Amino acid sequence: MTAMRKIWLGAGAAVALLGAGLVTAGPASAQPPCGNFQVWGNGGGRCDSGPGPDGSFTRCDTVYVLGIGGTNCYLVPGPPPPAA
């Protein structure tokens, strides 16, 4: 077996192990999915929680590109109080 063939076999095994780890990994977030979509590891979505008493709500944006990505959640403030 030539040295180049060993290098290619080692690289192929490393890629296969990395791919297996990505496929079997669970979601990193404890939040339930809500309207997100993925096609071949690409996609994302946006979810809004129910409004609070002051009109504020939590918004989560999700983005995935080639299976790598994540979710960012932030508080959206409610409308300003009416002018007196």
PDB file of N, CA and C in Angstrom:
ATOM      1  N   MET A   1       0.862  -1.179   0.000  1.00  0.00           N
ATOM      2  CA  MET A   1       0.000   0.000   0.000  1.00  0.00           C
ATOM      3  C   MET A   1       0.902   1.233   0.000  1.00  0.00           C
ATOM      4  N   THR A   2       0.619   2.144  -0.892  1.00  0.00           N
ATOM      5  CA  THR A   2       1.450   3.336  -1.003  1.00  0.00           C
ATOM      6  C   THR A   2       1.100   4.333   0.103  1.00  0.00           C
ATOM      7  N   ALA A   3       2.010   5.255   0.312  1.00  0.00           N
ATOM      8  CA  ALA A   3       1.796   6.266   1.352  1.00  0.00           C
ATOM      9  C   ALA A   3       0.612   7.162   1.013  1.00  0.00           C
ATOM     10  N   MET A   4       0.449   7.489  -0.268  1.00  0.00           N
ATOM     11  CA  MET A   4      -0.660   8.362  -0.673  1.00  0.00           C
ATOM     12  C   MET A   4      -2.003   7.674  -0.429  1.00  0.00           C
ATOM     13  N   ARG A   5      -2.075   6.383  -0.691  1.00  0.00           N
ATOM     14  CA  ARG A   5      -3.317   5.640  -0.455  1.00  0.00           C
ATOM     15  C   ARG A   5      -3.654   5.628   1.036  1.00  0.00           C
ATOM     16  N   LYS A   6      -2.648   5.487   1.895  1.00  0.00           N
ATOM     17  CA  LYS A   6      -2.880   5.510   3.347  1.00  0.00           C
ATOM     18  C   LYS A   6      -3.408   6.870   3.789  1.00  0.00           C
ATOM     19  N   ILE A   7      -2.863   7.930   3.205  1.00  0.00           N
ATOM     20  CA  ILE A   7      -3.324   9.283   3.554  1.00  0.00           C
ATOM     21  C   ILE A   7      -4.787   9.451   3.163  1.00  0.00           C
ATOM     22  N   TRP A   8      -5.147   9.021   1.948  1.00  0.00           N
ATOM     23  CA  TRP A   8      -6.531   9.152   1.489  1.00  0.00           C
ATOM     24  C   TRP A   8      -7.477   8.295   2.321  1.00  0.00           C
ATOM     25  N   LEU A   9      -7.060   7.095   2.696  1.00  0.00           N
ATOM     26  CA  LEU A   9      -7.902   6.249   3.552  1.00  0.00           C
ATOM     27  C   LEU A   9      -8.096   6.884   4.929  1.00  0.00           C
ATOM     28  N   GLY A  10      -7.031   7.446   5.484  1.00  0.00           N
ATOM     29  CA  GLY A  10      -7.139   8.117   6.781  1.00  0.00           C
ATOM     30  C   GLY A  10      -8.042   9.337   6.721  1.00  0.00           C
ATOM     31  N   ALA A  11      -7.917  10.124   5.649  1.00  0.00           N
ATOM     32  CA  ALA A  11      -8.774  11.305   5.497  1.00  0.00           C
ATOM     33  C   ALA A  11     -10.229  10.890   5.319  1.00  0.00           C
ATOM     34  N   GLY A  12     -10.469   9.838   4.552  1.00  0.00           N
ATOM     35  CA  GLY A  12     -11.841   9.350   4.364  1.00  0.00           C
ATOM     36  C   GLY A  12     -12.448   8.853   5.661  1.00  0.00           C
ATOM     37  N   ALA A  13     -11.657   8.156   6.466  1.00  0.00           N
ATOM     38  CA  ALA A  13     -12.160   7.674   7.753  1.00  0.00           C
ATOM     39  C   ALA A  13     -12.483   8.840   8.681  1.00  0.00           C
ATOM     40  N   ALA A  14     -11.650   9.875   8.677  1.00  0.00           N
ATOM     41  CA  ALA A  14     -11.904  11.043   9.528  1.00  0.00           C
ATOM     42  C   ALA A  14     -13.184  11.752   9.111  1.00  0.00           C
ATOM     43  N   VAL A  15     -13.398  11.902   7.807  1.00  0.00           N
ATOM     44  CA  VAL A  15     -14.616  12.549   7.318  1.00  0.00           C
ATOM     45  C   VAL A  15     -15.838  11.714   7.679  1.00  0.00           C
ATOM     46  N   ALA A  16     -15.735  10.390   7.553  1.00  0.00           N
ATOM     47  CA  ALA A  16     -16.858   9.515   7.895  1.00  0.00           C
ATOM     48  C   ALA A  16     -17.205   9.615   9.382  1.00  0.00           C
ATOM     49  N   LEU A  17     -16.206   9.657  10.241  1.00  0.00           N
ATOM     50  CA  LEU A  17     -16.465   9.783  11.681  1.00  0.00           C
ATOM     51  C   LEU A  17     -17.091  11.131  12.013  1.00  0.00           C
ATOM     52  N   LEU A  18     -16.602  12.185  11.398  1.00  0.00           N
ATOM     53  CA  LEU A  18     -17.170  13.513  11.630  1.00  0.00           C
ATOM     54  C   LEU A  18     -18.618  13.560  11.159  1.00  0.00           C
ATOM     55  N   GLY A  19     -18.884  13.018   9.989  1.00  0.00           N
ATOM     56  CA  GLY A  19     -20.254  12.983   9.467  1.00  0.00           C
ATOM     57  C   GLY A  19     -21.177  12.175  10.357  1.00  0.00           C
ATOM     58  N   ALA A  20     -20.696  11.043  10.863  1.00  0.00           N
ATOM     59  CA  ALA A  20     -21.521  10.222  11.752  1.00  0.00           C
ATOM     60  C   ALA A  20     -21.836  10.974  13.039  1.00  0.00           C
ATOM     61  N   GLY A  21     -20.881  11.727  13.553  1.00  0.00           N
ATOM     62  CA  GLY A  21     -21.128  12.513  14.761  1.00  0.00           C
ATOM     63  C   GLY A  21     -22.153  13.604  14.539  1.00  0.00           C
ATOM     64  N   LEU A  22     -22.102  14.257  13.384  1.00  0.00           N
ATOM     65  CA  LEU A  22     -23.076  15.308  13.085  1.00  0.00           C
ATOM     66  C   LEU A  22     -24.470  14.737  12.875  1.00  0.00           C
ATOM     67  N   VAL A  23     -24.555  13.574  12.252  1.00  0.00           N
ATOM     68  CA  VAL A  23     -25.859  12.971  11.979  1.00  0.00           C
ATOM     69  C   VAL A  23     -26.520  12.497  13.265  1.00  0.00           C
ATOM     70  N   THR A  24     -25.746  11.932  14.186  1.00  0.00           N
ATOM     71  CA  THR A  24     -26.329  11.371  15.403  1.00  0.00           C
ATOM     72  C   THR A  24     -26.484  12.387  16.530  1.00  0.00           C
ATOM     73  N   ALA A  25     -25.945  13.583  16.383  1.00  0.00           N
ATOM     74  CA  ALA A  25     -26.038  14.591  17.444  1.00  0.00           C
ATOM     75  C   ALA A  25     -27.468  15.097  17.567  1.00  0.00           C
ATOM     76  N   GLY A  26     -27.918  15.256  18.791  1.00  0.00           N
ATOM     77  CA  GLY A  26     -29.246  15.796  19.042  1.00  0.00           C
ATOM     78  C   GLY A  26     -29.233  17.306  18.941  1.00  0.00           C
ATOM     79  N   PRO A  27     -30.393  17.924  18.989  1.00  0.00           N
ATOM     80  CA  PRO A  27     -30.442  19.382  18.933  1.00  0.00           C
ATOM     81  C   PRO A  27     -29.808  19.994  20.180  1.00  0.00           C
ATOM     82  N   ALA A  28     -29.167  21.134  20.010  1.00  0.00           N
ATOM     83  CA  ALA A  28     -28.483  21.788  21.116  1.00  0.00           C
ATOM     84  C   ALA A  28     -29.442  22.586  21.984  1.00  0.00           C
ATOM     85  N   SER A  29     -30.635  22.797  21.532  1.00  0.00           N
ATOM     86  CA  SER A  29     -31.596  23.615  22.255  1.00  0.00           C
ATOM     87  C   SER A  29     -32.682  22.741  22.866  1.00  0.00           C
ATOM     88  N   ALA A  30     -33.155  23.137  24.040  1.00  0.00           N
ATOM     89  CA  ALA A  30     -34.246  22.407  24.680  1.00  0.00           C
ATOM     90  C   ALA A  30     -35.607  22.896  24.204  1.00  0.00           C
ATOM     91  N   GLN A  31     -35.623  23.923  23.376  1.00  0.00           N
ATOM     92  CA  GLN A  31     -36.886  24.467  22.892  1.00  0.00           C
ATOM     93  C   GLN A  31     -37.456  23.570  21.802  1.00  0.00           C
ATOM     94  N   PRO A  32     -38.773  23.419  21.760  1.00  0.00           N
ATOM     95  CA  PRO A  32     -39.359  22.609  20.698  1.00  0.00           C
ATOM     96  C   PRO A  32     -39.239  23.319  19.351  1.00  0.00           C
ATOM     97  N   PRO A  33     -39.113  22.547  18.268  1.00  0.00           N
ATOM     98  CA  PRO A  33     -39.039  23.199  16.962  1.00  0.00           C
ATOM     99  C   PRO A  33     -40.352  23.888  16.632  1.00  0.00           C
ATOM    100  N   CYS A  34     -40.273  25.013  15.965  1.00  0.00           N
ATOM    101  CA  CYS A  34     -41.494  25.748  15.641  1.00  0.00           C
ATOM    102  C   CYS A  34     -41.367  26.401  14.278  1.00  0.00           C
ATOM    103  N   GLY A  35     -41.755  25.704  13.259  1.00  0.00           N
ATOM    104  CA  GLY A  35     -41.769  26.277  11.928  1.00  0.00           C
ATOM    105  C   GLY A  35     -40.425  26.326  11.235  1.00  0.00           C
ATOM    106  N   ASN A  36     -39.393  25.700  11.787  1.00  0.00           N
ATOM    107  CA  ASN A  36     -38.091  25.692  11.134  1.00  0.00           C
ATOM    108  C   ASN A  36     -38.069  24.601  10.079  1.00  0.00           C
ATOM    109  N   PHE A  37     -37.311  24.798   9.020  1.00  0.00           N
ATOM    110  CA  PHE A  37     -37.179  23.785   7.991  1.00  0.00           C
ATOM    111  C   PHE A  37     -35.713  23.623   7.623  1.00  0.00           C
ATOM    112  N   GLN A  38     -35.363  22.421   7.200  1.00  0.00           N
ATOM    113  CA  GLN A  38     -34.012  22.149   6.743  1.00  0.00           C
ATOM    114  C   GLN A  38     -34.083  21.264   5.512  1.00  0.00           C
ATOM    115  N   VAL A  39     -33.321  21.612   4.494  1.00  0.00           N
ATOM    116  CA  VAL A  39     -33.188  20.805   3.297  1.00  0.00           C
ATOM    117  C   VAL A  39     -31.704  20.553   3.096  1.00  0.00           C
ATOM    118  N   TRP A  40     -31.275  19.314   3.204  1.00  0.00           N
ATOM    119  CA  TRP A  40     -29.867  18.921   3.087  1.00  0.00           C
ATOM    120  C   TRP A  40     -28.985  19.741   4.022  1.00  0.00           C
ATOM    121  N   GLY A  41     -29.478  20.008   5.243  1.00  0.00           N
ATOM    122  CA  GLY A  41     -28.693  20.732   6.233  1.00  0.00           C
ATOM    123  C   GLY A  41     -28.753  22.234   6.125  1.00  0.00           C
ATOM    124  N   ASN A  42     -29.544  22.774   5.196  1.00  0.00           N
ATOM    125  CA  ASN A  42     -29.655  24.222   5.025  1.00  0.00           C
ATOM    126  C   ASN A  42     -31.077  24.664   5.344  1.00  0.00           C
ATOM    127  N   GLY A  43     -31.215  25.806   5.987  1.00  0.00           N
ATOM    128  CA  GLY A  43     -32.548  26.332   6.258  1.00  0.00           C
ATOM    129  C   GLY A  43     -32.587  27.111   7.549  1.00  0.00           C
ATOM    130  N   GLY A  44     -33.777  27.192   8.109  1.00  0.00           N
ATOM    131  CA  GLY A  44     -33.956  27.940   9.335  1.00  0.00           C
ATOM    132  C   GLY A  44     -35.391  28.365   9.488  1.00  0.00           C
ATOM    133  N   GLY A  45     -35.620  29.309  10.365  1.00  0.00           N
ATOM    134  CA  GLY A  45     -36.969  29.799  10.585  1.00  0.00           C
ATOM    135  C   GLY A  45     -37.008  30.816  11.705  1.00  0.00           C
ATOM    136  N   ARG A  46     -38.207  31.256  12.012  1.00  0.00           N
ATOM    137  CA  ARG A  46     -38.423  32.248  13.066  1.00  0.00           C
ATOM    138  C   ARG A  46     -39.651  31.847  13.862  1.00  0.00           C
ATOM    139  N   CYS A  47     -39.558  31.939  15.195  1.00  0.00           N
ATOM    140  CA  CYS A  47     -40.673  31.632  16.086  1.00  0.00           C
ATOM    141  C   CYS A  47     -40.870  32.786  17.054  1.00  0.00           C
ATOM    142  N   ASP A  48     -42.107  33.041  17.400  1.00  0.00           N
ATOM    143  CA  ASP A  48     -42.441  34.047  18.403  1.00  0.00           C
ATOM    144  C   ASP A  48     -43.236  33.378  19.513  1.00  0.00           C
ATOM    145  N   SER A  49     -42.917  33.741  20.762  1.00  0.00           N
ATOM    146  CA  SER A  49     -43.694  33.239  21.895  1.00  0.00           C
ATOM    147  C   SER A  49     -44.971  34.061  22.013  1.00  0.00           C
ATOM    148  N   GLY A  50     -45.816  33.657  22.922  1.00  0.00           N
ATOM    149  CA  GLY A  50     -47.021  34.436  23.180  1.00  0.00           C
ATOM    150  C   GLY A  50     -46.672  35.767  23.827  1.00  0.00           C
ATOM    151  N   PRO A  51     -47.507  36.780  23.642  1.00  0.00           N
ATOM    152  CA  PRO A  51     -47.198  38.093  24.219  1.00  0.00           C
ATOM    153  C   PRO A  51     -47.356  38.099  25.737  1.00  0.00           C
ATOM    154  N   GLY A  52     -46.508  38.890  26.383  1.00  0.00           N
ATOM    155  CA  GLY A  52     -46.606  39.079  27.820  1.00  0.00           C
ATOM    156  C   GLY A  52     -47.619  40.167  28.139  1.00  0.00           C
ATOM    157  N   PRO A  53     -47.831  40.455  29.432  1.00  0.00           N
ATOM    158  CA  PRO A  53     -48.821  41.469  29.807  1.00  0.00           C
ATOM    159  C   PRO A  53     -48.485  42.871  29.286  1.00  0.00           C
ATOM    160  N   ASP A  54     -47.198  43.139  29.067  1.00  0.00           N
ATOM    161  CA  ASP A  54     -46.806  44.459  28.557  1.00  0.00           C
ATOM    162  C   ASP A  54     -46.679  44.481  27.031  1.00  0.00           C
ATOM    163  N   GLY A  55     -47.015  43.387  26.358  1.00  0.00           N
ATOM    164  CA  GLY A  55     -46.938  43.319  24.903  1.00  0.00           C
ATOM    165  C   GLY A  55     -45.613  42.807  24.373  1.00  0.00           C
ATOM    166  N   SER A  56     -44.638  42.589  25.259  1.00  0.00           N
ATOM    167  CA  SER A  56     -43.347  42.074  24.802  1.00  0.00           C
ATOM    168  C   SER A  56     -43.453  40.570  24.537  1.00  0.00           C
ATOM    169  N   PHE A  57     -42.557  40.057  23.710  1.00  0.00           N
ATOM    170  CA  PHE A  57     -42.532  38.622  23.424  1.00  0.00           C
ATOM    171  C   PHE A  57     -41.110  38.202  23.081  1.00  0.00           C
ATOM    172  N   THR A  58     -40.859  36.901  23.132  1.00  0.00           N
ATOM    173  CA  THR A  58     -39.550  36.351  22.802  1.00  0.00           C
ATOM    174  C   THR A  58     -39.570  35.865  21.359  1.00  0.00           C
ATOM    175  N   ARG A  59     -38.567  36.259  20.588  1.00  0.00           N
ATOM    176  CA  ARG A  59     -38.438  35.823  19.192  1.00  0.00           C
ATOM    177  C   ARG A  59     -37.163  35.000  19.062  1.00  0.00           C
ATOM    178  N   CYS A  60     -37.252  33.894  18.348  1.00  0.00           N
ATOM    179  CA  CYS A  60     -36.094  33.041  18.086  1.00  0.00           C
ATOM    180  C   CYS A  60     -35.889  32.916  16.580  1.00  0.00           C
ATOM    181  N   ASP A  61     -34.680  33.219  16.118  1.00  0.00           N
ATOM    182  CA  ASP A  61     -34.294  33.058  14.718  1.00  0.00           C
ATOM    183  C   ASP A  61     -33.314  31.898  14.627  1.00  0.00           C
ATOM    184  N   THR A  62     -33.546  30.992  13.692  1.00  0.00           N
ATOM    185  CA  THR A  62     -32.693  29.827  13.500  1.00  0.00           C
ATOM    186  C   THR A  62     -32.157  29.832  12.078  1.00  0.00           C
ATOM    187  N   VAL A  63     -30.850  29.554  11.943  1.00  0.00           N
ATOM    188  CA  VAL A  63     -30.217  29.485  10.628  1.00  0.00           C
ATOM    189  C   VAL A  63     -29.285  28.280  10.600  1.00  0.00           C
ATOM    190  N   TYR A  64     -29.361  27.494   9.533  1.00  0.00           N
ATOM    191  CA  TYR A  64     -28.447  26.376   9.312  1.00  0.00           C
ATOM    192  C   TYR A  64     -27.917  26.440   7.891  1.00  0.00           C
ATOM    193  N   VAL A  65     -26.598  26.298   7.738  1.00  0.00           N
ATOM    194  CA  VAL A  65     -25.950  26.217   6.437  1.00  0.00           C
ATOM    195  C   VAL A  65     -25.020  25.013   6.480  1.00  0.00           C
ATOM    196  N   LEU A  66     -25.259  24.055   5.599  1.00  0.00           N
ATOM    197  CA  LEU A  66     -24.482  22.817   5.538  1.00  0.00           C
ATOM    198  C   LEU A  66     -24.456  22.106   6.887  1.00  0.00           C
ATOM    199  N   GLY A  67     -25.557  22.157   7.620  1.00  0.00           N
ATOM    200  CA  GLY A  67     -25.676  21.451   8.888  1.00  0.00           C
ATOM    201  C   GLY A  67     -25.081  22.170  10.075  1.00  0.00           C
ATOM    202  N   ILE A  68     -24.483  23.326   9.871  1.00  0.00           N
ATOM    203  CA  ILE A  68     -23.870  24.081  10.967  1.00  0.00           C
ATOM    204  C   ILE A  68     -24.686  25.349  11.168  1.00  0.00           C
ATOM    205  N   GLY A  69     -25.020  25.650  12.395  1.00  0.00           N
ATOM    206  CA  GLY A  69     -25.792  26.854  12.667  1.00  0.00           C
ATOM    207  C   GLY A  69     -26.259  26.873  14.103  1.00  0.00           C
ATOM    208  N   GLY A  70     -27.339  27.584  14.334  1.00  0.00           N
ATOM    209  CA  GLY A  70     -27.852  27.672  15.683  1.00  0.00           C
ATOM    210  C   GLY A  70     -29.060  28.573  15.758  1.00  0.00           C
ATOM    211  N   THR A  71     -29.477  28.807  16.990  1.00  0.00           N
ATOM    212  CA  THR A  71     -30.671  29.595  17.262  1.00  0.00           C
ATOM    213  C   THR A  71     -30.304  30.769  18.150  1.00  0.00           C
ATOM    214  N   ASN A  72     -30.850  31.931  17.848  1.00  0.00           N
ATOM    215  CA  ASN A  72     -30.656  33.134  18.645  1.00  0.00           C
ATOM    216  C   ASN A  72     -32.027  33.612  19.103  1.00  0.00           C
ATOM    217  N   CYS A  73     -32.237  33.688  20.419  1.00  0.00           N
ATOM    218  CA  CYS A  73     -33.508  34.155  20.980  1.00  0.00           C
ATOM    219  C   CYS A  73     -33.288  35.495  21.677  1.00  0.00           C
ATOM    220  N   TYR A  74     -34.265  36.380  21.529  1.00  0.00           N
ATOM    221  CA  TYR A  74     -34.143  37.704  22.138  1.00  0.00           C
ATOM    222  C   TYR A  74     -35.531  38.238  22.457  1.00  0.00           C
ATOM    223  N   LEU A  75     -35.580  39.203  23.368  1.00  0.00           N
ATOM    224  CA  LEU A  75     -36.832  39.804  23.812  1.00  0.00           C
ATOM    225  C   LEU A  75     -37.174  40.993  22.914  1.00  0.00           C
ATOM    226  N   VAL A  76     -38.388  40.986  22.369  1.00  0.00           N
ATOM    227  CA  VAL A  76     -38.881  42.095  21.551  1.00  0.00           C
ATOM    228  C   VAL A  76     -39.791  42.931  22.445  1.00  0.00           C
ATOM    229  N   PRO A  77     -39.475  44.213  22.650  1.00  0.00           N
ATOM    230  CA  PRO A  77     -40.288  45.027  23.558  1.00  0.00           C
ATOM    231  C   PRO A  77     -41.683  45.278  22.993  1.00  0.00           C
ATOM    232  N   GLY A  78     -42.602  45.525  23.893  1.00  0.00           N
ATOM    233  CA  GLY A  78     -43.968  45.847  23.499  1.00  0.00           C
ATOM    234  C   GLY A  78     -44.066  47.266  22.968  1.00  0.00           C
ATOM    235  N   PRO A  79     -45.240  47.655  22.533  1.00  0.00           N
ATOM    236  CA  PRO A  79     -45.415  49.009  22.004  1.00  0.00           C
ATOM    237  C   PRO A  79     -45.274  50.049  23.119  1.00  0.00           C
ATOM    238  N   PRO A  80     -44.930  51.277  22.763  1.00  0.00           N
ATOM    239  CA  PRO A  80     -44.814  52.322  23.791  1.00  0.00           C
ATOM    240  C   PRO A  80     -46.194  52.654  24.362  1.00  0.00           C
ATOM    241  N   PRO A  81     -46.221  53.154  25.587  1.00  0.00           N
ATOM    242  CA  PRO A  81     -47.516  53.527  26.171  1.00  0.00           C
ATOM    243  C   PRO A  81     -48.127  54.691  25.393  1.00  0.00           C
ATOM    244  N   PRO A  82     -49.438  54.791  25.383  1.00  0.00           N
ATOM    245  CA  PRO A  82     -50.076  55.890  24.649  1.00  0.00           C
ATOM    246  C   PRO A  82     -49.699  57.248  25.254  1.00  0.00           C
ATOM    247  N   ALA A  83     -49.603  58.229  24.385  1.00  0.00           N
ATOM    248  CA  ALA A  83     -49.260  59.582  24.836  1.00  0.00           C
ATOM    249  C   ALA A  83     -50.430  60.167  25.629  1.00  0.00           C
ATOM    250  N   ALA A  84     -50.087  60.888  26.675  1.00  0.00           N
ATOM    251  CA  ALA A  84     -51.135  61.468  27.521  1.00  0.00           C
ATOM    252  C   ALA A  84     -51.548  62.829  27.050  1.00  0.00           C
TER     253      ALA A  84
END
